[in-house]
């Protein structure tokens, strides 16, 4: 996955646009962003999205 693809997934999560990917791809996006940019706000948009998915699943 390229950094551009990972950042696009992050943007979709931030804007609640339901990225058309599964949780594995979301984790790959986090990994790619961390490798390329280090810890930054873009990873937290994806993490928040994953938390929202998990919360909805538990209910």
PDB file of N, CA and C in Angstrom:
ATOM      1  N   UNK A   1       0.852  -1.179   0.000  1.00  0.00           N
ATOM      2  CA  UNK A   1       0.000   0.000   0.000  1.00  0.00           C
ATOM      3  C   UNK A   1       0.894   1.237   0.000  1.00  0.00           C
ATOM      4  N   UNK A   2       0.519   2.200  -0.818  1.00  0.00           N
ATOM      5  CA  UNK A   2       1.297   3.433  -0.871  1.00  0.00           C
ATOM      6  C   UNK A   2       0.820   4.398   0.211  1.00  0.00           C
ATOM      7  N   UNK A   3       1.655   5.366   0.503  1.00  0.00           N
ATOM      8  CA  UNK A   3       1.273   6.373   1.484  1.00  0.00           C
ATOM      9  C   UNK A   3       0.039   7.134   1.012  1.00  0.00           C
ATOM     10  N   UNK A   4      -0.040   7.419  -0.272  1.00  0.00           N
ATOM     11  CA  UNK A   4      -1.191   8.145  -0.801  1.00  0.00           C
ATOM     12  C   UNK A   4      -2.489   7.367  -0.596  1.00  0.00           C
ATOM     13  N   UNK A   5      -2.442   6.054  -0.834  1.00  0.00           N
ATOM     14  CA  UNK A   5      -3.630   5.216  -0.616  1.00  0.00           C
ATOM     15  C   UNK A   5      -4.022   5.210   0.857  1.00  0.00           C
ATOM     16  N   UNK A   6      -3.030   5.089   1.726  1.00  0.00           N
ATOM     17  CA  UNK A   6      -3.292   5.063   3.163  1.00  0.00           C
ATOM     18  C   UNK A   6      -3.890   6.387   3.630  1.00  0.00           C
ATOM     19  N   UNK A   7      -3.369   7.490   3.125  1.00  0.00           N
ATOM     20  CA  UNK A   7      -3.898   8.797   3.512  1.00  0.00           C
ATOM     21  C   UNK A   7      -5.313   9.005   2.987  1.00  0.00           C
ATOM     22  N   UNK A   8      -5.616   8.440   1.830  1.00  0.00           N
ATOM     23  CA  UNK A   8      -6.977   8.531   1.293  1.00  0.00           C
ATOM     24  C   UNK A   8      -7.954   7.756   2.187  1.00  0.00           C
ATOM     25  N   UNK A   9      -7.549   6.592   2.661  1.00  0.00           N
ATOM     26  CA  UNK A   9      -8.384   5.818   3.582  1.00  0.00           C
ATOM     27  C   UNK A   9      -8.597   6.615   4.867  1.00  0.00           C
ATOM     28  N   UNK A  10      -7.537   7.238   5.366  1.00  0.00           N
ATOM     29  CA  UNK A  10      -7.643   8.060   6.571  1.00  0.00           C
ATOM     30  C   UNK A  10      -8.629   9.209   6.362  1.00  0.00           C
ATOM     31  N   UNK A  11      -8.542   9.861   5.208  1.00  0.00           N
ATOM     32  CA  UNK A  11      -9.444  10.972   4.901  1.00  0.00           C
ATOM     33  C   UNK A  11     -10.896  10.486   4.883  1.00  0.00           C
ATOM     34  N   UNK A  12     -11.116   9.323   4.296  1.00  0.00           N
ATOM     35  CA  UNK A  12     -12.478   8.781   4.235  1.00  0.00           C
ATOM     36  C   UNK A  12     -13.007   8.488   5.637  1.00  0.00           C
ATOM     37  N   UNK A  13     -12.147   7.970   6.503  1.00  0.00           N
ATOM     38  CA  UNK A  13     -12.559   7.706   7.884  1.00  0.00           C
ATOM     39  C   UNK A  13     -12.888   9.015   8.595  1.00  0.00           C
ATOM     40  N   UNK A  14     -12.046  10.018   8.401  1.00  0.00           N
ATOM     41  CA  UNK A  14     -12.251  11.315   9.050  1.00  0.00           C
ATOM     42  C   UNK A  14     -13.592  11.919   8.647  1.00  0.00           C
ATOM     43  N   UNK A  15     -13.955  11.775   7.386  1.00  0.00           N
ATOM     44  CA  UNK A  15     -15.170  12.389   6.870  1.00  0.00           C
ATOM     45  C   UNK A  15     -16.384  11.446   6.909  1.00  0.00           C
ATOM     46  N   UNK A  16     -16.244  10.305   7.601  1.00  0.00           N
ATOM     47  CA  UNK A  16     -17.333   9.317   7.714  1.00  0.00           C
ATOM     48  C   UNK A  16     -17.876   8.902   6.352  1.00  0.00           C
ATOM     49  N   UNK A  17     -16.987   8.636   5.416  1.00  0.00           N
ATOM     50  CA  UNK A  17     -17.399   8.243   4.066  1.00  0.00           C
ATOM     51  C   UNK A  17     -17.390   6.727   3.866  1.00  0.00           C
ATOM     52  N   UNK A  18     -17.306   5.972   4.937  1.00  0.00           N
ATOM     53  CA  UNK A  18     -17.336   4.516   4.876  1.00  0.00           C
ATOM     54  C   UNK A  18     -16.351   3.973   3.842  1.00  0.00           C
ATOM     55  N   UNK A  19     -15.066   3.973   4.180  1.00  0.00           N
ATOM     56  CA  UNK A  19     -14.085   3.448   3.233  1.00  0.00           C
ATOM     57  C   UNK A  19     -14.425   2.007   2.852  1.00  0.00           C
ATOM     58  N   UNK A  20     -14.366   1.680   1.562  1.00  0.00           N
ATOM     59  CA  UNK A  20     -14.780   0.347   1.093  1.00  0.00           C
ATOM     60  C   UNK A  20     -13.686  -0.699   1.302  1.00  0.00           C
ATOM     61  N   UNK A  21     -13.230  -0.830   2.536  1.00  0.00           N
ATOM     62  CA  UNK A  21     -12.146  -1.767   2.849  1.00  0.00           C
ATOM     63  C   UNK A  21     -12.481  -2.505   4.137  1.00  0.00           C
ATOM     64  N   UNK A  22     -11.806  -3.629   4.353  1.00  0.00           N
ATOM     65  CA  UNK A  22     -12.042  -4.376   5.584  1.00  0.00           C
ATOM     66  C   UNK A  22     -11.041  -3.945   6.667  1.00  0.00           C
ATOM     67  N   UNK A  23     -11.171  -4.530   7.843  1.00  0.00           N
ATOM     68  CA  UNK A  23     -10.326  -4.112   8.962  1.00  0.00           C
ATOM     69  C   UNK A  23      -8.847  -4.406   8.721  1.00  0.00           C
ATOM     70  N   UNK A  24      -8.544  -5.444   7.982  1.00  0.00           N
ATOM     71  CA  UNK A  24      -7.146  -5.757   7.681  1.00  0.00           C
ATOM     72  C   UNK A  24      -6.510  -4.624   6.876  1.00  0.00           C
ATOM     73  N   UNK A  25      -7.235  -4.121   5.898  1.00  0.00           N
ATOM     74  CA  UNK A  25      -6.722  -3.024   5.077  1.00  0.00           C
ATOM     75  C   UNK A  25      -6.595  -1.751   5.916  1.00  0.00           C
ATOM     76  N   UNK A  26      -7.524  -1.527   6.832  1.00  0.00           N
ATOM     77  CA  UNK A  26      -7.419  -0.369   7.722  1.00  0.00           C
ATOM     78  C   UNK A  26      -6.149  -0.454   8.559  1.00  0.00           C
ATOM     79  N   UNK A  27      -5.836  -1.637   9.054  1.00  0.00           N
ATOM     80  CA  UNK A  27      -4.608  -1.824   9.835  1.00  0.00           C
ATOM     81  C   UNK A  27      -3.369  -1.646   8.963  1.00  0.00           C
ATOM     82  N   UNK A  28      -3.421  -2.101   7.724  1.00  0.00           N
ATOM     83  CA  UNK A  28      -2.307  -1.882   6.799  1.00  0.00           C
ATOM     84  C   UNK A  28      -2.100  -0.389   6.552  1.00  0.00           C
ATOM     85  N   UNK A  29      -3.190   0.352   6.455  1.00  0.00           N
ATOM     86  CA  UNK A  29      -3.090   1.794   6.253  1.00  0.00           C
ATOM     87  C   UNK A  29      -2.401   2.449   7.445  1.00  0.00           C
ATOM     88  N   UNK A  30      -2.769   2.049   8.647  1.00  0.00           N
ATOM     89  CA  UNK A  30      -2.112   2.579   9.847  1.00  0.00           C
ATOM     90  C   UNK A  30      -0.624   2.272   9.796  1.00  0.00           C
ATOM     91  N   UNK A  31      -0.284   1.040   9.490  1.00  0.00           N
ATOM     92  CA  UNK A  31       1.120   0.622   9.422  1.00  0.00           C
ATOM     93  C   UNK A  31       1.894   1.444   8.394  1.00  0.00           C
ATOM     94  N   UNK A  32       1.321   1.635   7.221  1.00  0.00           N
ATOM     95  CA  UNK A  32       1.983   2.398   6.164  1.00  0.00           C
ATOM     96  C   UNK A  32       2.222   3.838   6.597  1.00  0.00           C
ATOM     97  N   UNK A  33       1.208   4.456   7.191  1.00  0.00           N
ATOM     98  CA  UNK A  33       1.347   5.843   7.627  1.00  0.00           C
ATOM     99  C   UNK A  33       2.417   5.967   8.696  1.00  0.00           C
ATOM    100  N   UNK A  34       2.428   5.052   9.662  1.00  0.00           N
ATOM    101  CA  UNK A  34       3.422   5.107  10.737  1.00  0.00           C
ATOM    102  C   UNK A  34       4.834   4.923  10.172  1.00  0.00           C
ATOM    103  N   UNK A  35       4.987   3.993   9.219  1.00  0.00           N
ATOM    104  CA  UNK A  35       6.314   3.781   8.619  1.00  0.00           C
ATOM    105  C   UNK A  35       6.796   5.012   7.871  1.00  0.00           C
ATOM    106  N   UNK A  36       5.896   5.670   7.168  1.00  0.00           N
ATOM    107  CA  UNK A  36       6.276   6.789   6.302  1.00  0.00           C
ATOM    108  C   UNK A  36       6.341   8.132   7.044  1.00  0.00           C
ATOM    109  N   UNK A  37       5.399   8.347   7.969  1.00  0.00           N
ATOM    110  CA  UNK A  37       5.288   9.664   8.604  1.00  0.00           C
ATOM    111  C   UNK A  37       5.501   9.646  10.110  1.00  0.00           C
ATOM    112  N   UNK A  38       5.501   8.470  10.707  1.00  0.00           N
ATOM    113  CA  UNK A  38       5.528   8.393  12.162  1.00  0.00           C
ATOM    114  C   UNK A  38       4.119   8.583  12.709  1.00  0.00           C
ATOM    115  N   UNK A  39       4.020   8.712  14.022  1.00  0.00           N
ATOM    116  CA  UNK A  39       2.700   8.916  14.625  1.00  0.00           C
ATOM    117  C   UNK A  39       2.196  10.295  14.226  1.00  0.00           C
ATOM    118  N   UNK A  40       0.980  10.341  13.742  1.00  0.00           N
ATOM    119  CA  UNK A  40       0.393  11.613  13.318  1.00  0.00           C
ATOM    120  C   UNK A  40      -1.122  11.491  13.388  1.00  0.00           C
ATOM    121  N   UNK A  41      -1.793  12.614  13.206  1.00  0.00           N
ATOM    122  CA  UNK A  41      -3.249  12.634  13.384  1.00  0.00           C
ATOM    123  C   UNK A  41      -3.965  11.706  12.418  1.00  0.00           C
ATOM    124  N   UNK A  42      -3.390  11.442  11.243  1.00  0.00           N
ATOM    125  CA  UNK A  42      -4.070  10.596  10.258  1.00  0.00           C
ATOM    126  C   UNK A  42      -4.322   9.179  10.768  1.00  0.00           C
ATOM    127  N   UNK A  43      -3.416   8.644  11.582  1.00  0.00           N
ATOM    128  CA  UNK A  43      -3.658   7.287  12.088  1.00  0.00           C
ATOM    129  C   UNK A  43      -4.814   7.261  13.082  1.00  0.00           C
ATOM    130  N   UNK A  44      -5.000   8.358  13.796  1.00  0.00           N
ATOM    131  CA  UNK A  44      -6.063   8.383  14.791  1.00  0.00           C
ATOM    132  C   UNK A  44      -7.448   8.422  14.159  1.00  0.00           C
ATOM    133  N   UNK A  45      -7.560   8.977  12.952  1.00  0.00           N
ATOM    134  CA  UNK A  45      -8.846   8.932  12.248  1.00  0.00           C
ATOM    135  C   UNK A  45      -9.228   7.483  11.959  1.00  0.00           C
ATOM    136  N   UNK A  46      -8.241   6.682  11.560  1.00  0.00           N
ATOM    137  CA  UNK A  46      -8.509   5.261  11.269  1.00  0.00           C
ATOM    138  C   UNK A  46      -8.800   4.502  12.558  1.00  0.00           C
ATOM    139  N   UNK A  47      -8.030   4.782  13.604  1.00  0.00           N
ATOM    140  CA  UNK A  47      -8.253   4.109  14.885  1.00  0.00           C
ATOM    141  C   UNK A  47      -9.650   4.426  15.416  1.00  0.00           C
ATOM    142  N   UNK A  48     -10.063   5.682  15.310  1.00  0.00           N
ATOM    143  CA  UNK A  48     -11.414   6.059  15.739  1.00  0.00           C
ATOM    144  C   UNK A  48     -12.472   5.302  14.941  1.00  0.00           C
ATOM    145  N   UNK A  49     -12.235   5.147  13.644  1.00  0.00           N
ATOM    146  CA  UNK A  49     -13.165   4.414  12.784  1.00  0.00           C
ATOM    147  C   UNK A  49     -13.261   2.952  13.235  1.00  0.00           C
ATOM    148  N   UNK A  50     -12.106   2.340  13.514  1.00  0.00           N
ATOM    149  CA  UNK A  50     -12.101   0.954  13.989  1.00  0.00           C
ATOM    150  C   UNK A  50     -12.844   0.837  15.322  1.00  0.00           C
ATOM    151  N   UNK A  51     -12.641   1.787  16.213  1.00  0.00           N
ATOM    152  CA  UNK A  51     -13.355   1.778  17.497  1.00  0.00           C
ATOM    153  C   UNK A  51     -14.855   1.894  17.291  1.00  0.00           C
ATOM    154  N   UNK A  52     -15.264   2.721  16.346  1.00  0.00           N
ATOM    155  CA  UNK A  52     -16.692   2.884  16.057  1.00  0.00           C
ATOM    156  C   UNK A  52     -17.280   1.579  15.511  1.00  0.00           C
ATOM    157  N   UNK A  53     -16.557   0.933  14.618  1.00  0.00           N
ATOM    158  CA  UNK A  53     -17.019  -0.349  14.059  1.00  0.00           C
ATOM    159  C   UNK A  53     -17.169  -1.369  15.196  1.00  0.00           C
ATOM    160  N   UNK A  54     -16.172  -1.461  16.062  1.00  0.00           N
ATOM    161  CA  UNK A  54     -16.204  -2.415  17.151  1.00  0.00           C
ATOM    162  C   UNK A  54     -17.354  -2.120  18.105  1.00  0.00           C
ATOM    163  N   UNK A  55     -17.566  -0.847  18.416  1.00  0.00           N
ATOM    164  CA  UNK A  55     -18.662  -0.468  19.315  1.00  0.00           C
ATOM    165  C   UNK A  55     -20.003  -0.851  18.719  1.00  0.00           C
ATOM    166  N   UNK A  56     -20.194  -0.591  17.437  1.00  0.00           N
ATOM    167  CA  UNK A  56     -21.446  -0.954  16.771  1.00  0.00           C
ATOM    168  C   UNK A  56     -21.650  -2.462  16.770  1.00  0.00           C
ATOM    169  N   UNK A  57     -20.563  -3.203  16.618  1.00  0.00           N
ATOM    170  CA  UNK A  57     -20.649  -4.658  16.580  1.00  0.00           C
ATOM    171  C   UNK A  57     -21.035  -5.218  17.937  1.00  0.00           C
ATOM    172  N   UNK A  58     -20.518  -4.641  19.013  1.00  0.00           N
ATOM    173  CA  UNK A  58     -20.806  -5.121  20.367  1.00  0.00           C
ATOM    174  C   UNK A  58     -22.267  -4.903  20.748  1.00  0.00           C
ATOM    175  N   UNK A  59     -22.906  -3.874  20.201  1.00  0.00           N
ATOM    176  CA  UNK A  59     -24.278  -3.541  20.603  1.00  0.00           C
ATOM    177  C   UNK A  59     -25.287  -4.400  19.962  1.00  0.00           C
TER     178      UNK A  59
END
